[in-house]
Amino acid sequence: MSGAEFIAATAAILFMAFLAGWFTHWLISRITRVTRSDMDDLDKMAQELHQAEEAHDQATSYFQQRESELTNKLRETEAELEAAMDGLRTSRAEAEDLRLHIERMNRAS
């Protein structure tokens, strides 16, 4: 094999390797290519996700505010109940004292 044949054979092998690489690159890029409709779908999903996150944040803050209001109302109601129970105990004690006083008065007469 002469030098010219060796160079031609090497050039042919390198050219075939180049073509095989180019074809492989083209094939992979065709398979993995992102189309415009795919990008539009991704943009739409991103917007919907953003809207859902905003709605979630709004709902969370609303429920936290509502929980705070209800907790305060519950505390007020419990305080009112405690005051009413104290008043009732006092009234019962006074009623018992008055009953005992009336019974003593009735016995004395």
C-alpha atoms as a PDB file:
ATOM      1  CA  MET A   1       0.000   0.000   0.000  1.00  0.00           C
ATOM      2  CA  SER A   2       1.522   3.253  -1.079  1.00  0.00           C
ATOM      3  CA  GLY A   3       1.367   6.545   0.802  1.00  0.00           C
ATOM      4  CA  ALA A   4      -1.316   7.981  -1.513  1.00  0.00           C
ATOM      5  CA  GLU A   5      -3.551   4.922  -1.065  1.00  0.00           C
ATOM      6  CA  PHE A   6      -3.062   5.103   2.692  1.00  0.00           C
ATOM      7  CA  ILE A   7      -4.030   8.788   2.733  1.00  0.00           C
ATOM      8  CA  ALA A   8      -7.085   8.112   0.541  1.00  0.00           C
ATOM      9  CA  ALA A   9      -8.173   5.194   2.744  1.00  0.00           C
ATOM     10  CA  THR A  10      -7.693   7.283   5.913  1.00  0.00           C
ATOM     11  CA  ALA A  11      -9.616  10.205   4.356  1.00  0.00           C
ATOM     12  CA  ALA A  12     -12.446   7.856   3.350  1.00  0.00           C
ATOM     13  CA  ILE A  13     -12.619   6.381   6.867  1.00  0.00           C
ATOM     14  CA  LEU A  14     -12.597   9.846   8.462  1.00  0.00           C
ATOM     15  CA  PHE A  15     -15.295  11.034   6.035  1.00  0.00           C
ATOM     16  CA  MET A  16     -17.456   7.982   6.849  1.00  0.00           C
ATOM     17  CA  ALA A  17     -16.940   8.675  10.590  1.00  0.00           C
ATOM     18  CA  PHE A  18     -17.925  12.305  10.007  1.00  0.00           C
ATOM     19  CA  LEU A  19     -21.081  11.254   8.136  1.00  0.00           C
ATOM     20  CA  ALA A  20     -21.986   8.718  10.819  1.00  0.00           C
ATOM     21  CA  GLY A  21     -21.548  11.380  13.524  1.00  0.00           C
ATOM     22  CA  TRP A  22     -23.543  13.946  11.579  1.00  0.00           C
ATOM     23  CA  PHE A  23     -26.349  11.454  10.934  1.00  0.00           C
ATOM     24  CA  THR A  24     -26.422  10.458  14.608  1.00  0.00           C
ATOM     25  CA  HIS A  25     -26.550  14.112  15.668  1.00  0.00           C
ATOM     26  CA  TRP A  26     -29.361  14.823  13.185  1.00  0.00           C
ATOM     27  CA  LEU A  27     -31.322  11.770  14.364  1.00  0.00           C
ATOM     28  CA  ILE A  28     -30.980  12.652  18.035  1.00  0.00           C
ATOM     29  CA  SER A  29     -31.936  16.273  17.416  1.00  0.00           C
ATOM     30  CA  ARG A  30     -35.046  15.143  15.501  1.00  0.00           C
ATOM     31  CA  ILE A  31     -36.069  12.813  18.294  1.00  0.00           C
ATOM     32  CA  THR A  32     -35.475  15.256  21.141  1.00  0.00           C
ATOM     33  CA  ARG A  33     -36.572  18.430  19.371  1.00  0.00           C
ATOM     34  CA  VAL A  34     -38.987  20.605  21.350  1.00  0.00           C
ATOM     35  CA  THR A  35     -41.800  21.869  19.166  1.00  0.00           C
ATOM     36  CA  ARG A  36     -43.550  25.216  19.487  1.00  0.00           C
ATOM     37  CA  SER A  37     -46.731  23.517  20.684  1.00  0.00           C
ATOM     38  CA  ASP A  38     -44.727  21.805  23.430  1.00  0.00           C
ATOM     39  CA  MET A  39     -43.366  25.182  24.520  1.00  0.00           C
ATOM     40  CA  ASP A  40     -46.873  26.667  24.452  1.00  0.00           C
ATOM     41  CA  ASP A  41     -48.121  23.794  26.596  1.00  0.00           C
ATOM     42  CA  LEU A  42     -45.275  24.342  29.058  1.00  0.00           C
ATOM     43  CA  ASP A  43     -46.028  28.078  29.220  1.00  0.00           C
ATOM     44  CA  LYS A  44     -49.715  27.369  29.810  1.00  0.00           C
ATOM     45  CA  MET A  45     -48.928  24.855  32.564  1.00  0.00           C
ATOM     46  CA  ALA A  46     -46.526  27.328  34.181  1.00  0.00           C
ATOM     47  CA  GLN A  47     -49.219  30.031  34.204  1.00  0.00           C
ATOM     48  CA  GLU A  48     -51.798  27.635  35.630  1.00  0.00           C
ATOM     49  CA  LEU A  49     -49.335  26.543  38.306  1.00  0.00           C
ATOM     50  CA  HIS A  50     -48.650  30.162  39.198  1.00  0.00           C
ATOM     51  CA  GLN A  51     -52.396  30.897  39.432  1.00  0.00           C
ATOM     52  CA  ALA A  52     -52.926  27.805  41.566  1.00  0.00           C
ATOM     53  CA  GLU A  53     -50.125  28.851  43.909  1.00  0.00           C
ATOM     54  CA  GLU A  54     -51.647  32.333  44.241  1.00  0.00           C
ATOM     55  CA  ALA A  55     -55.066  30.839  44.964  1.00  0.00           C
ATOM     56  CA  HIS A  56     -53.492  28.518  47.531  1.00  0.00           C
ATOM     57  CA  ASP A  57     -51.746  31.448  49.224  1.00  0.00           C
ATOM     58  CA  GLN A  58     -54.983  33.454  49.300  1.00  0.00           C
ATOM     59  CA  ALA A  59     -56.940  30.538  50.720  1.00  0.00           C
ATOM     60  CA  THR A  60     -54.261  29.910  53.343  1.00  0.00           C
ATOM     61  CA  SER A  61     -54.243  33.527  54.479  1.00  0.00           C
ATOM     62  CA  TYR A  62     -58.075  33.608  54.521  1.00  0.00           C
ATOM     63  CA  PHE A  63     -58.255  30.482  56.656  1.00  0.00           C
ATOM     64  CA  GLN A  64     -55.569  31.771  59.010  1.00  0.00           C
ATOM     65  CA  GLN A  65     -57.486  35.029  59.425  1.00  0.00           C
ATOM     66  CA  ARG A  66     -60.751  33.144  59.917  1.00  0.00           C
ATOM     67  CA  GLU A  67     -59.136  30.818  62.454  1.00  0.00           C
ATOM     68  CA  SER A  68     -57.812  33.823  64.361  1.00  0.00           C
ATOM     69  CA  GLU A  69     -61.265  35.431  64.392  1.00  0.00           C
ATOM     70  CA  LEU A  70     -62.926  32.236  65.567  1.00  0.00           C
ATOM     71  CA  THR A  71     -60.287  31.698  68.249  1.00  0.00           C
ATOM     72  CA  ASN A  72     -60.865  35.208  69.560  1.00  0.00           C
ATOM     73  CA  LYS A  73     -64.625  34.690  69.508  1.00  0.00           C
ATOM     74  CA  LEU A  74     -64.220  31.386  71.348  1.00  0.00           C
ATOM     75  CA  ARG A  75     -62.101  33.078  74.022  1.00  0.00           C
ATOM     76  CA  GLU A  76     -64.710  35.826  74.421  1.00  0.00           C
ATOM     77  CA  THR A  77     -67.489  33.254  74.651  1.00  0.00           C
ATOM     78  CA  GLU A  78     -65.562  31.224  77.231  1.00  0.00           C
ATOM     79  CA  ALA A  79     -64.944  34.389  79.272  1.00  0.00           C
ATOM     80  CA  GLU A  80     -68.647  35.267  79.104  1.00  0.00           C
ATOM     81  CA  LEU A  81     -69.555  31.714  80.120  1.00  0.00           C
ATOM     82  CA  GLU A  82     -67.148  31.855  83.045  1.00  0.00           C
ATOM     83  CA  ALA A  83     -68.643  35.179  84.144  1.00  0.00           C
ATOM     84  CA  ALA A  84     -72.173  33.780  83.815  1.00  0.00           C
ATOM     85  CA  MET A  85     -71.209  30.675  85.810  1.00  0.00           C
ATOM     86  CA  ASP A  86     -69.662  32.842  88.531  1.00  0.00           C
ATOM     87  CA  GLY A  87     -72.838  34.945  88.616  1.00  0.00           C
ATOM     88  CA  LEU A  88     -74.967  31.815  88.805  1.00  0.00           C
ATOM     89  CA  ARG A  89     -72.875  30.428  91.680  1.00  0.00           C
ATOM     90  CA  THR A  90     -73.181  33.728  93.513  1.00  0.00           C
ATOM     91  CA  SER A  91     -76.945  33.815  92.911  1.00  0.00           C
ATOM     92  CA  ARG A  92     -77.354  30.234  94.114  1.00  0.00           C
ATOM     93  CA  ALA A  93     -75.341  30.989  97.240  1.00  0.00           C
ATOM     94  CA  GLU A  94     -77.444  34.076  97.908  1.00  0.00           C
ATOM     95  CA  ALA A  95     -80.637  32.121  97.251  1.00  0.00           C
ATOM     96  CA  GLU A  96     -79.488  29.413  99.670  1.00  0.00           C
ATOM     97  CA  ASP A  97     -78.643  32.030 102.289  1.00  0.00           C
ATOM     98  CA  LEU A  98     -82.062  33.650 101.843  1.00  0.00           C
ATOM     99  CA  ARG A  99     -83.818  30.261 102.060  1.00  0.00           C
ATOM    100  CA  LEU A 100     -81.982  29.433 105.286  1.00  0.00           C
ATOM    101  CA  HIS A 101     -82.792  32.874 106.649  1.00  0.00           C
ATOM    102  CA  ILE A 102     -86.503  32.449 105.779  1.00  0.00           C
ATOM    103  CA  GLU A 103     -86.550  28.988 107.381  1.00  0.00           C
ATOM    104  CA  ARG A 104     -85.004  30.417 110.578  1.00  0.00           C
ATOM    105  CA  MET A 105     -87.540  33.224 110.564  1.00  0.00           C
ATOM    106  CA  ASN A 106     -90.399  30.735 110.103  1.00  0.00           C
ATOM    107  CA  ARG A 107     -89.128  28.557 112.971  1.00  0.00           C
ATOM    108  CA  ALA A 108     -88.726  31.529 115.226  1.00  0.00           C
ATOM    109  CA  SER A 109     -92.298  32.686 114.733  1.00  0.00           C
END
